[in-house]
Amino acid sequence: MSTAAIQVEQLRHVYGARVALDGVSFTIARGEVFGLLGPNGGGKTTLFKILSTLMPASAGTATIFGEPVRGAPDQVRRHLGVVFQHPSLDGKLSVGENLRCHGHLYGVRGAALDTRVQAVLQRLGLTERAGDLVETLSGGLQRRTELAKALLHQPPLLLLDEPSTGLDPGARRDFMQHLRQLRDHEGVTIVLTTHYMEEAERCDRVAILHQGKLVSVGAPAELKDRVGGDVVVMQADDPEGLGAKIRERFDCEALVVDGTVRVERPRGHEFVRDVVDAFAADITLVTYGKPTLEDVFIHLTGRTFWATGDAGGGPA
């Protein structure tokens, strides 16, 4: 049996004249927590829809556990548990009733259904909430109920589209902890789309999408190592002029992004000292730090994460 949970080769999708995915290729191993990171319009939701068999790609191939997504969607769906960005729970039913209704859709009934419901409730810490109406739960508990529902038929692969949208940072951390427990204890492969940097940081590997293209894939630490040192960010009344002066004086790349000057340098604290000594009158604020995934995105695309235009989200 192949070790790959998902294999994507030259996947392409267009909406009319607009290219949403442009030759995307990657492999996801079994048992990974894999993040698809990108701003709105980067193409990640289109990719999610294709992998979850909601729509066919315009070109290219995708297989899940060796089954072609386009050629054998019914077989592929047996492998999948899906959590959509928008809630799919019935708020007027209890947590347990939602799970039982979902089990019936998969043909699970009787003692087998009772056993599975109790198992997922316990796994996700929802046993004491089984009789509570969903509409009375917090956002974090509702997302855990969504996850319990997706796990009820015991799929080896979870696809989650922006699963923590609307959750506060603490609830997002708790949700990611539940996902890691599923990976560690159940061997479940997890693929999630996200625009939260801290969520992507907790994935085993991350694929960065920008305007329909896959610009990089790797572990978060590996991606940050590619930046090439500390990131120094300077604000100035004339950022273009300051950037030109820095390039001439220090013979380095100074990128002007959204009105700030960015320089990637080893030993950034020493560069801060030198650049302030040289151009104190031009700089209004300077910061430096270790690179983040947002810095990786800027390094790869030359644009800030939130400044990219819509390229791949599909029709409104």
Protein backbone atom coordinates (compact mmCIF):
# COMPACT_ATOMS: atom_id res chain seq x y z
CA MET A 1 0.00 0.00 0.00
CA SER A 2 1.29 3.46 -0.90
CA THR A 3 2.53 5.62 1.98
CA ALA A 4 0.87 8.69 0.44
CA ALA A 5 -2.49 9.76 1.79
CA ILE A 6 -2.88 12.40 -0.94
CA GLN A 7 -1.03 12.81 -4.23
CA VAL A 8 -1.69 15.93 -6.30
CA GLU A 9 -0.11 16.34 -9.75
CA GLN A 10 -0.31 19.52 -11.85
CA LEU A 11 -3.77 20.39 -10.57
CA ARG A 12 -5.38 23.28 -12.41
CA HIS A 13 -8.77 24.93 -12.12
CA VAL A 14 -10.32 27.94 -13.82
CA TYR A 15 -13.48 29.95 -13.25
CA GLY A 16 -14.18 31.36 -16.68
CA ALA A 17 -11.07 33.37 -17.55
CA ARG A 18 -9.73 33.40 -13.98
CA VAL A 19 -7.11 30.84 -12.96
CA ALA A 20 -7.77 29.61 -9.42
CA LEU A 21 -5.18 26.82 -9.34
CA ASP A 22 -2.18 26.84 -11.64
CA GLY A 23 -0.28 23.56 -11.84
CA VAL A 24 -0.24 22.66 -8.13
CA SER A 25 1.65 19.48 -7.13
CA PHE A 26 2.40 18.01 -3.68
CA THR A 27 2.27 14.80 -1.65
CA ILE A 28 0.87 14.30 1.85
CA ALA A 29 2.11 11.30 3.85
CA ARG A 30 -0.14 9.20 6.06
CA GLY A 31 -0.34 10.50 9.60
CA GLU A 32 0.61 14.11 8.78
CA VAL A 33 -1.04 17.29 9.94
CA PHE A 34 -0.72 19.27 6.73
CA GLY A 35 -1.68 22.92 6.38
CA LEU A 36 -2.73 24.78 3.24
CA LEU A 37 -1.79 28.37 4.09
CA GLY A 38 -2.77 31.37 2.03
CA PRO A 39 -4.75 34.61 2.06
CA ASN A 40 -8.31 34.73 0.88
CA GLY A 41 -8.27 34.19 -2.87
CA GLY A 42 -5.03 32.21 -2.84
CA GLY A 43 -6.70 29.05 -4.12
CA LYS A 44 -6.87 26.95 -0.95
CA THR A 45 -10.69 26.72 -0.82
CA THR A 46 -10.80 25.67 -4.47
CA LEU A 47 -8.26 22.96 -3.68
CA PHE A 48 -10.33 21.87 -0.68
CA LYS A 49 -13.45 21.55 -2.84
CA ILE A 50 -11.59 19.40 -5.37
CA LEU A 51 -10.07 17.09 -2.74
CA SER A 52 -13.42 16.68 -0.98
CA THR A 53 -15.05 15.66 -4.32
CA LEU A 54 -17.35 18.70 -4.34
CA MET A 55 -16.20 19.66 -7.84
CA PRO A 56 -13.86 18.30 -10.52
CA ALA A 57 -10.59 20.01 -11.41
CA SER A 58 -10.18 21.52 -14.85
CA ALA A 59 -6.94 19.56 -15.36
CA GLY A 60 -4.40 17.48 -13.48
CA THR A 61 -4.90 14.58 -11.09
CA ALA A 62 -5.51 14.02 -7.39
CA THR A 63 -5.59 10.66 -5.62
CA ILE A 64 -6.55 9.84 -2.03
CA PHE A 65 -5.12 6.58 -0.71
CA GLY A 66 -4.56 5.60 -4.32
CA GLU A 67 -8.15 6.28 -5.45
CA PRO A 68 -8.61 8.94 -8.17
CA VAL A 69 -10.73 11.80 -6.84
CA ARG A 70 -12.30 12.47 -10.23
CA GLY A 71 -12.67 8.87 -11.41
CA ALA A 72 -13.86 7.24 -8.18
CA PRO A 73 -15.52 9.87 -5.97
CA ASP A 74 -17.74 7.36 -4.13
CA GLN A 75 -14.72 5.28 -3.08
CA VAL A 76 -12.82 8.42 -2.08
CA ARG A 77 -15.66 9.66 0.13
CA ARG A 78 -15.41 6.51 2.25
CA HIS A 79 -11.95 7.67 3.32
CA LEU A 80 -13.02 11.21 4.21
CA GLY A 81 -14.27 13.07 7.23
CA VAL A 82 -15.02 16.68 6.29
CA VAL A 83 -15.44 19.79 8.45
CA PHE A 84 -16.62 22.76 6.42
CA GLN A 85 -15.89 26.39 7.17
CA HIS A 86 -19.56 27.10 7.83
CA PRO A 87 -21.36 25.13 10.58
CA SER A 88 -23.31 22.06 9.51
CA LEU A 89 -24.86 21.22 12.89
CA ASP A 90 -28.55 21.48 13.79
CA GLY A 91 -28.67 23.91 16.68
CA LYS A 92 -32.09 22.67 17.82
CA LEU A 93 -30.76 19.15 18.37
CA SER A 94 -28.45 18.01 21.14
CA VAL A 95 -24.85 17.03 20.57
CA GLY A 96 -25.76 13.35 20.77
CA GLU A 97 -28.74 13.73 18.43
CA ASN A 98 -26.56 15.45 15.82
CA LEU A 99 -24.10 12.56 15.96
CA ARG A 100 -26.83 9.93 15.69
CA CYS A 101 -28.40 11.63 12.68
CA HIS A 102 -25.00 11.71 10.99
CA GLY A 103 -24.44 8.04 11.79
CA HIS A 104 -27.74 7.12 10.14
CA LEU A 105 -26.59 8.84 6.94
CA TYR A 106 -23.64 6.43 6.87
CA GLY A 107 -25.83 3.41 7.59
CA VAL A 108 -24.63 2.97 11.18
CA ARG A 109 -27.36 1.96 13.63
CA GLY A 110 -28.10 0.08 16.80
CA ALA A 111 -25.35 -1.01 19.17
CA ALA A 112 -22.61 -0.09 16.68
CA LEU A 113 -23.87 3.50 16.54
CA ASP A 114 -24.13 3.70 20.35
CA THR A 115 -20.53 2.52 20.67
CA ARG A 116 -19.19 4.97 18.10
CA VAL A 117 -21.10 7.94 19.54
CA GLN A 118 -19.78 7.26 23.03
CA ALA A 119 -16.26 6.80 21.66
CA VAL A 120 -16.11 10.13 19.80
CA LEU A 121 -17.78 11.98 22.66
CA GLN A 122 -15.14 10.69 25.05
CA ARG A 123 -12.28 11.28 22.61
CA LEU A 124 -13.19 14.94 22.23
CA GLY A 125 -14.21 15.63 25.81
CA LEU A 126 -17.90 16.03 25.00
CA THR A 127 -19.45 13.23 27.08
CA GLU A 128 -20.94 15.59 29.65
CA ARG A 129 -22.34 17.78 26.84
CA ALA A 130 -24.10 14.99 24.93
CA GLY A 131 -27.55 16.15 26.03
CA ASP A 132 -26.92 19.88 25.53
CA LEU A 133 -28.52 21.68 22.60
CA VAL A 134 -25.85 22.70 20.10
CA GLU A 135 -27.13 26.28 20.04
CA THR A 136 -26.22 26.63 23.74
CA LEU A 137 -22.57 25.65 23.24
CA SER A 138 -19.60 27.96 22.86
CA GLY A 139 -17.94 28.31 19.46
CA GLY A 140 -15.09 26.03 20.53
CA LEU A 141 -17.43 23.27 21.70
CA GLN A 142 -19.45 23.52 18.51
CA ARG A 143 -16.29 23.04 16.42
CA ARG A 144 -15.39 20.02 18.54
CA THR A 145 -18.87 18.64 17.88
CA GLU A 146 -18.32 19.19 14.14
CA LEU A 147 -15.07 17.24 14.46
CA ALA A 148 -16.81 14.45 16.40
CA LYS A 149 -19.39 14.20 13.63
CA ALA A 150 -16.68 13.97 10.97
CA LEU A 151 -14.98 11.15 12.91
CA LEU A 152 -18.09 9.07 13.54
CA HIS A 153 -17.64 6.82 10.50
CA GLN A 154 -13.95 6.33 11.40
CA PRO A 155 -12.29 7.93 8.34
CA PRO A 156 -8.50 7.75 7.97
CA LEU A 157 -8.39 11.28 6.49
CA LEU A 158 -9.85 14.54 7.78
CA LEU A 159 -10.30 17.56 5.49
CA LEU A 160 -10.99 20.79 7.36
CA ASP A 161 -11.75 24.11 5.68
CA GLU A 162 -10.78 27.04 7.95
CA PRO A 163 -11.85 24.94 10.96
CA SER A 164 -11.13 27.54 13.64
CA THR A 165 -12.70 30.57 11.96
CA GLY A 166 -14.55 32.59 14.59
CA LEU A 167 -12.76 30.98 17.55
CA ASP A 168 -10.71 32.96 20.03
CA PRO A 169 -6.96 32.18 20.23
CA GLY A 170 -7.38 29.87 23.23
CA ALA A 171 -10.10 27.83 21.53
CA ARG A 172 -7.96 27.62 18.38
CA ARG A 173 -5.06 26.19 20.39
CA ASP A 174 -7.37 23.65 22.05
CA PHE A 175 -8.79 22.61 18.68
CA MET A 176 -5.29 22.09 17.22
CA GLN A 177 -4.39 20.04 20.30
CA HIS A 178 -7.34 17.73 19.58
CA LEU A 179 -6.14 17.33 16.01
CA ARG A 180 -2.62 16.39 17.12
CA GLN A 181 -4.08 13.81 19.50
CA LEU A 182 -6.02 12.27 16.61
CA ARG A 183 -2.78 12.07 14.62
CA ASP A 184 -0.74 10.65 17.49
CA HIS A 185 -3.25 8.15 18.90
CA GLU A 186 -5.42 7.25 15.92
CA GLY A 187 -3.04 7.70 13.00
CA VAL A 188 -5.51 10.04 11.27
CA THR A 189 -4.15 12.16 8.43
CA ILE A 190 -5.34 15.77 8.75
CA VAL A 191 -5.40 18.42 6.03
CA LEU A 192 -6.61 21.89 6.90
CA THR A 193 -6.86 25.20 5.11
CA THR A 194 -6.03 28.25 7.18
CA HIS A 195 -5.06 31.90 7.08
CA TYR A 196 -3.97 31.90 10.73
CA MET A 197 -0.19 31.90 11.07
CA GLU A 198 -0.21 30.38 14.55
CA GLU A 199 -2.40 27.54 13.29
CA ALA A 200 -0.03 26.83 10.40
CA GLU A 201 2.91 26.85 12.85
CA ARG A 202 1.39 23.82 14.58
CA CYS A 203 1.22 21.72 11.41
CA ASP A 204 3.86 19.12 10.53
CA ARG A 205 4.22 20.66 7.07
CA VAL A 206 2.74 23.67 5.33
CA ALA A 207 2.02 24.40 1.66
CA ILE A 208 1.93 28.13 0.91
CA LEU A 209 -0.48 29.16 -1.87
CA HIS A 210 -0.38 32.53 -3.60
CA GLN A 211 -2.60 33.51 -6.52
CA GLY A 212 -3.25 29.88 -7.40
CA LYS A 213 0.38 28.81 -7.35
CA LEU A 214 2.18 26.67 -4.79
CA VAL A 215 5.15 28.81 -3.81
CA SER A 216 6.71 26.55 -1.17
CA VAL A 217 6.17 23.38 0.90
CA GLY A 218 7.95 22.33 4.07
CA ALA A 219 7.98 22.15 7.85
CA PRO A 220 7.41 25.57 9.43
CA ALA A 221 10.94 25.68 10.90
CA GLU A 222 12.43 24.69 7.54
CA LEU A 223 10.51 27.40 5.71
CA LYS A 224 11.61 30.06 8.20
CA ASP A 225 15.24 28.97 7.87
CA ARG A 226 15.06 29.93 4.19
CA VAL A 227 14.53 33.60 5.01
CA GLY A 228 18.22 34.09 5.72
CA GLY A 229 18.48 35.72 9.11
CA ASP A 230 16.59 38.14 11.32
CA VAL A 231 13.93 40.38 9.80
CA VAL A 232 14.46 44.11 10.32
CA VAL A 233 11.45 46.33 9.57
CA MET A 234 11.75 50.12 9.38
CA GLN A 235 9.13 52.82 9.06
CA ALA A 236 10.03 56.12 7.42
CA ASP A 237 8.39 59.17 5.91
CA ASP A 238 10.11 58.27 2.61
CA PRO A 239 10.45 54.46 2.57
CA GLU A 240 11.57 54.33 -1.07
CA GLY A 241 14.32 56.85 -0.37
CA LEU A 242 15.41 55.02 2.78
CA GLY A 243 15.48 51.72 0.91
CA ALA A 244 17.73 53.21 -1.76
CA LYS A 245 20.11 54.60 0.87
CA ILE A 246 20.32 51.26 2.67
CA ARG A 247 21.02 49.38 -0.55
CA GLU A 248 23.82 51.79 -1.43
CA ARG A 249 25.38 51.98 2.06
CA PHE A 250 25.12 48.34 3.13
CA ASP A 251 25.07 46.55 -0.25
CA CYS A 252 22.03 44.48 0.70
CA GLU A 253 18.49 43.97 -0.50
CA ALA A 254 16.04 46.39 1.11
CA LEU A 255 12.49 45.56 0.08
CA VAL A 256 9.75 48.19 0.36
CA VAL A 257 6.48 46.44 1.26
CA ASP A 258 3.30 48.29 2.23
CA GLY A 259 5.18 51.43 3.17
CA THR A 260 7.86 49.75 5.28
CA VAL A 261 11.45 48.84 4.49
CA ARG A 262 12.38 45.21 5.19
CA VAL A 263 15.88 43.78 5.39
CA GLU A 264 16.81 40.15 6.10
CA ARG A 265 20.16 39.95 7.88
CA PRO A 266 21.99 37.61 10.26
CA ARG A 267 22.59 39.28 13.65
CA GLY A 268 19.79 41.72 13.09
CA HIS A 269 20.48 43.61 16.34
CA GLU A 270 23.84 44.70 14.96
CA PHE A 271 22.27 45.85 11.71
CA VAL A 272 19.68 47.86 13.68
CA ARG A 273 22.51 49.67 15.47
CA ASP A 274 24.36 50.38 12.23
CA VAL A 275 21.37 51.53 10.21
CA VAL A 276 20.13 53.82 12.99
CA ASP A 277 23.60 55.31 13.33
CA ALA A 278 23.67 55.95 9.58
CA PHE A 279 20.10 57.15 8.97
CA ALA A 280 18.60 58.16 12.31
CA ALA A 281 16.91 61.21 10.78
CA ASP A 282 15.13 59.07 8.16
CA ILE A 283 13.78 56.29 10.41
CA THR A 284 10.68 56.80 12.55
CA LEU A 285 10.47 53.24 13.94
CA VAL A 286 12.56 50.08 13.67
CA THR A 287 11.86 46.53 14.88
CA TYR A 288 13.59 43.22 14.38
CA GLY A 289 12.95 39.57 15.22
CA LYS A 290 13.22 35.99 14.10
CA PRO A 291 11.29 35.24 10.89
CA THR A 292 7.67 34.15 11.05
CA LEU A 293 5.62 32.37 8.40
CA GLU A 294 4.31 35.77 7.32
CA ASP A 295 7.92 36.81 6.75
CA VAL A 296 8.34 33.64 4.67
CA PHE A 297 5.32 34.67 2.58
CA ILE A 298 6.76 38.15 2.01
CA HIS A 299 10.18 36.66 1.19
CA LEU A 300 8.62 34.38 -1.44
CA THR A 301 6.05 36.74 -2.97
CA GLY A 302 7.25 40.28 -2.22
CA ARG A 303 3.82 41.09 -0.77
CA THR A 304 2.31 41.09 2.69
CA PHE A 305 -0.06 38.26 3.51
CA TRP A 306 -3.13 40.50 3.75
CA ALA A 307 -2.37 42.70 0.73
CA THR A 308 -2.86 40.06 -2.00
CA GLY A 309 -5.75 40.31 -4.41
CA ASP A 310 -8.47 37.72 -4.94
CA ALA A 311 -7.29 35.05 -7.33
CA GLY A 312 -8.78 31.74 -6.51
CA GLY A 313 -11.79 31.71 -4.26
CA GLY A 314 -14.32 30.96 -6.95
CA PRO A 315 -17.48 32.84 -7.84
CA ALA A 316 -19.27 34.67 -5.05
